[in-house]
N, C-alpha and C. Protein backbone atom coordinates (compact mmCIF):
# COMPACT_ATOMS: atom_id res chain seq x y z
N MET A 1 9.01 -32.75 -7.35
CA MET A 1 8.15 -32.22 -6.33
C MET A 1 7.57 -30.90 -6.83
N SER A 2 6.27 -30.85 -6.99
CA SER A 2 5.60 -29.67 -7.51
C SER A 2 5.05 -28.82 -6.36
N SER A 3 5.24 -27.54 -6.48
CA SER A 3 4.75 -26.61 -5.47
C SER A 3 3.46 -25.95 -5.95
N PRO A 4 2.40 -25.98 -5.14
CA PRO A 4 1.16 -25.33 -5.56
C PRO A 4 1.32 -23.82 -5.74
N LEU A 5 2.19 -23.22 -4.95
CA LEU A 5 2.41 -21.79 -5.08
C LEU A 5 3.08 -21.46 -6.41
N LEU A 6 3.99 -22.30 -6.84
CA LEU A 6 4.65 -22.09 -8.13
C LEU A 6 3.65 -22.23 -9.28
N GLU A 7 2.72 -23.16 -9.17
CA GLU A 7 1.70 -23.32 -10.20
C GLU A 7 0.78 -22.11 -10.27
N ILE A 8 0.41 -21.57 -9.12
CA ILE A 8 -0.43 -20.37 -9.09
C ILE A 8 0.33 -19.19 -9.68
N TRP A 9 1.61 -19.08 -9.36
CA TRP A 9 2.44 -17.99 -9.88
C TRP A 9 2.52 -18.05 -11.41
N GLU A 10 2.73 -19.23 -11.95
CA GLU A 10 2.83 -19.38 -13.40
C GLU A 10 1.50 -19.16 -14.09
N ALA A 11 0.40 -19.57 -13.44
CA ALA A 11 -0.92 -19.35 -14.02
C ALA A 11 -1.27 -17.86 -14.02
N ALA A 12 -0.83 -17.14 -13.01
CA ALA A 12 -1.13 -15.71 -12.92
C ALA A 12 -0.36 -14.90 -13.95
N SER A 13 0.74 -15.39 -14.42
CA SER A 13 1.52 -14.64 -15.40
C SER A 13 0.80 -14.55 -16.75
N ALA A 14 -0.15 -15.43 -16.99
CA ALA A 14 -0.88 -15.40 -18.26
C ALA A 14 -1.92 -14.28 -18.28
N SER A 15 -2.37 -13.82 -17.12
CA SER A 15 -3.36 -12.74 -17.07
C SER A 15 -2.80 -11.57 -16.27
N PRO A 16 -2.28 -10.56 -16.96
CA PRO A 16 -1.68 -9.43 -16.25
C PRO A 16 -2.73 -8.61 -15.50
N TYR A 17 -2.27 -7.88 -14.49
CA TYR A 17 -3.15 -7.06 -13.65
C TYR A 17 -3.66 -5.86 -14.43
N GLN A 18 -4.95 -5.63 -14.38
CA GLN A 18 -5.57 -4.48 -15.02
C GLN A 18 -6.03 -3.51 -13.94
N THR A 19 -5.55 -2.29 -14.00
CA THR A 19 -5.91 -1.31 -12.98
C THR A 19 -7.32 -0.80 -13.20
N THR A 20 -7.95 -0.32 -12.11
CA THR A 20 -9.29 0.25 -12.20
C THR A 20 -9.26 1.60 -12.89
N VAL A 21 -8.27 2.41 -12.54
CA VAL A 21 -8.09 3.72 -13.15
C VAL A 21 -6.81 3.68 -13.97
N SER A 22 -6.93 4.01 -15.25
CA SER A 22 -5.76 3.92 -16.12
C SER A 22 -4.70 4.96 -15.74
N LYS A 23 -3.50 4.71 -16.16
CA LYS A 23 -2.36 5.59 -15.83
C LYS A 23 -2.58 7.00 -16.37
N ASN A 24 -3.24 7.12 -17.52
CA ASN A 24 -3.44 8.43 -18.15
C ASN A 24 -4.50 9.27 -17.44
N SER A 25 -5.40 8.64 -16.67
CA SER A 25 -6.45 9.41 -16.02
C SER A 25 -6.28 9.52 -14.50
N GLN A 26 -5.16 9.08 -13.96
CA GLN A 26 -4.94 9.15 -12.52
C GLN A 26 -4.84 10.59 -12.03
N PHE A 27 -4.25 11.47 -12.81
CA PHE A 27 -4.13 12.86 -12.39
C PHE A 27 -5.51 13.50 -12.29
N ALA A 28 -6.36 13.27 -13.28
CA ALA A 28 -7.70 13.86 -13.26
C ALA A 28 -8.52 13.32 -12.10
N VAL A 29 -8.46 12.03 -11.86
CA VAL A 29 -9.21 11.43 -10.75
C VAL A 29 -8.70 11.97 -9.42
N GLY A 30 -7.39 12.04 -9.25
CA GLY A 30 -6.82 12.58 -8.02
C GLY A 30 -7.18 14.03 -7.80
N PHE A 31 -7.14 14.84 -8.86
CA PHE A 31 -7.47 16.25 -8.74
C PHE A 31 -8.94 16.45 -8.38
N ILE A 32 -9.82 15.70 -9.01
CA ILE A 32 -11.25 15.81 -8.72
C ILE A 32 -11.55 15.38 -7.29
N LEU A 33 -10.92 14.30 -6.83
CA LEU A 33 -11.14 13.86 -5.46
C LEU A 33 -10.61 14.87 -4.45
N LEU A 34 -9.46 15.45 -4.70
CA LEU A 34 -8.93 16.47 -3.79
C LEU A 34 -9.78 17.73 -3.79
N LEU A 35 -10.29 18.12 -4.94
CA LEU A 35 -11.18 19.27 -5.02
C LEU A 35 -12.48 19.00 -4.28
N LEU A 36 -13.03 17.81 -4.45
CA LEU A 36 -14.24 17.42 -3.73
C LEU A 36 -14.00 17.41 -2.23
N ALA A 37 -12.86 16.93 -1.80
CA ALA A 37 -12.53 16.91 -0.37
C ALA A 37 -12.43 18.33 0.17
N PHE A 38 -11.83 19.24 -0.59
CA PHE A 38 -11.70 20.63 -0.17
C PHE A 38 -13.07 21.28 -0.03
N ILE A 39 -13.96 21.04 -0.98
CA ILE A 39 -15.31 21.62 -0.93
C ILE A 39 -16.11 21.05 0.24
N LEU A 40 -16.08 19.73 0.41
CA LEU A 40 -16.82 19.11 1.51
C LEU A 40 -16.28 19.54 2.87
N THR A 41 -14.97 19.69 2.98
CA THR A 41 -14.39 20.16 4.24
C THR A 41 -14.81 21.59 4.54
N GLY A 42 -14.86 22.43 3.53
CA GLY A 42 -15.32 23.81 3.71
C GLY A 42 -16.76 23.88 4.16
N ILE A 43 -17.62 23.09 3.54
CA ILE A 43 -19.03 23.07 3.94
C ILE A 43 -19.17 22.53 5.36
N PHE A 44 -18.43 21.49 5.68
CA PHE A 44 -18.49 20.92 7.03
C PHE A 44 -17.96 21.92 8.06
N GLY A 45 -16.93 22.67 7.71
CA GLY A 45 -16.38 23.66 8.63
C GLY A 45 -17.34 24.80 8.91
N LEU A 46 -18.19 25.15 7.94
CA LEU A 46 -19.16 26.22 8.14
C LEU A 46 -20.34 25.78 8.99
N ASN A 47 -20.68 24.49 8.95
CA ASN A 47 -21.86 24.01 9.66
C ASN A 47 -21.50 22.71 10.37
N ARG A 48 -20.73 22.82 11.44
CA ARG A 48 -20.30 21.62 12.17
C ARG A 48 -21.41 21.15 13.10
N SER A 49 -21.81 19.92 12.93
CA SER A 49 -22.76 19.28 13.84
C SER A 49 -22.55 17.78 13.76
N LEU A 50 -23.11 17.09 14.70
CA LEU A 50 -22.96 15.63 14.73
C LEU A 50 -23.65 14.98 13.54
N VAL A 51 -24.71 15.61 13.06
CA VAL A 51 -25.44 15.06 11.90
C VAL A 51 -24.59 15.18 10.64
N ASN A 52 -23.84 16.27 10.50
CA ASN A 52 -23.03 16.48 9.30
C ASN A 52 -21.75 15.66 9.27
N LEU A 53 -21.38 15.07 10.39
CA LEU A 53 -20.15 14.29 10.41
C LEU A 53 -20.19 13.11 9.44
N PRO A 54 -21.22 12.23 9.49
CA PRO A 54 -21.23 11.15 8.50
C PRO A 54 -21.63 11.61 7.10
N LEU A 55 -22.31 12.75 7.00
CA LEU A 55 -22.74 13.23 5.68
C LEU A 55 -21.65 13.98 4.93
N LEU A 56 -20.81 14.72 5.66
CA LEU A 56 -19.79 15.53 5.00
C LEU A 56 -18.37 15.20 5.45
N GLY A 57 -18.19 14.95 6.73
CA GLY A 57 -16.84 14.74 7.26
C GLY A 57 -16.19 13.47 6.78
N VAL A 58 -16.91 12.37 6.86
CA VAL A 58 -16.34 11.08 6.45
C VAL A 58 -16.09 11.03 4.94
N PRO A 59 -17.05 11.46 4.09
CA PRO A 59 -16.73 11.48 2.66
C PRO A 59 -15.57 12.41 2.30
N ALA A 60 -15.46 13.53 3.03
CA ALA A 60 -14.33 14.44 2.77
C ALA A 60 -13.01 13.77 3.11
N SER A 61 -12.98 13.04 4.22
CA SER A 61 -11.76 12.34 4.61
C SER A 61 -11.39 11.25 3.61
N LEU A 62 -12.38 10.49 3.17
CA LEU A 62 -12.12 9.44 2.18
C LEU A 62 -11.66 10.02 0.84
N ALA A 63 -12.32 11.10 0.42
CA ALA A 63 -11.94 11.73 -0.84
C ALA A 63 -10.52 12.28 -0.76
N PHE A 64 -10.15 12.85 0.38
CA PHE A 64 -8.79 13.35 0.53
C PHE A 64 -7.77 12.21 0.51
N GLY A 65 -8.08 11.12 1.22
CA GLY A 65 -7.14 9.99 1.27
C GLY A 65 -6.91 9.38 -0.09
N PHE A 66 -8.00 9.04 -0.79
CA PHE A 66 -7.86 8.43 -2.11
C PHE A 66 -7.32 9.43 -3.13
N GLY A 67 -7.72 10.69 -3.02
CA GLY A 67 -7.21 11.70 -3.94
C GLY A 67 -5.71 11.90 -3.79
N ALA A 68 -5.24 11.89 -2.54
CA ALA A 68 -3.79 12.03 -2.32
C ALA A 68 -3.02 10.86 -2.88
N VAL A 69 -3.56 9.65 -2.72
CA VAL A 69 -2.87 8.46 -3.25
C VAL A 69 -2.84 8.49 -4.78
N TYR A 70 -3.99 8.84 -5.39
CA TYR A 70 -4.01 8.92 -6.85
C TYR A 70 -3.09 10.02 -7.37
N MET A 71 -3.02 11.13 -6.66
CA MET A 71 -2.15 12.23 -7.11
C MET A 71 -0.68 11.82 -6.97
N ILE A 72 -0.34 11.13 -5.90
CA ILE A 72 1.04 10.66 -5.74
C ILE A 72 1.38 9.67 -6.86
N CYS A 73 0.44 8.79 -7.18
CA CYS A 73 0.68 7.83 -8.27
C CYS A 73 0.79 8.53 -9.61
N ALA A 74 0.04 9.59 -9.80
CA ALA A 74 0.02 10.28 -11.10
C ALA A 74 1.30 11.08 -11.33
N VAL A 75 1.75 11.82 -10.34
CA VAL A 75 2.91 12.68 -10.55
C VAL A 75 4.21 12.02 -10.17
N GLY A 76 4.15 10.94 -9.41
CA GLY A 76 5.34 10.23 -9.01
C GLY A 76 5.99 10.87 -7.80
N VAL A 77 6.82 10.11 -7.15
CA VAL A 77 7.53 10.60 -5.96
C VAL A 77 9.01 10.53 -6.29
N TYR A 78 9.64 11.68 -6.36
CA TYR A 78 11.06 11.74 -6.67
C TYR A 78 11.79 12.28 -5.45
N VAL A 79 12.66 11.47 -4.89
CA VAL A 79 13.41 11.89 -3.71
C VAL A 79 14.87 12.02 -4.09
C-alpha cells in the first residue's frame, strides 16, 4: 500500500530548501530593515496625518516586523 504523502516526502528530499536571504546576510538585512523602520517612524511621528499612514506608518510597521524576525534569526535566541 503506497501513500501519496510518503511519495511527496521522498521526492522533496532530493531538492533541499533554499532560503531567500542567506544565513550570512541575515544580520545586515535585519539591521537595515530595523533602521528603516526607525527612520520612517520618526518621520511619521513628526507629521502625523491620515495621508501619511499608508505612506509611512504601514511600511514602518512591516519593516520593523520583518527586521525583528531577521535579526532574531541572525543572532539566535538563547534562553
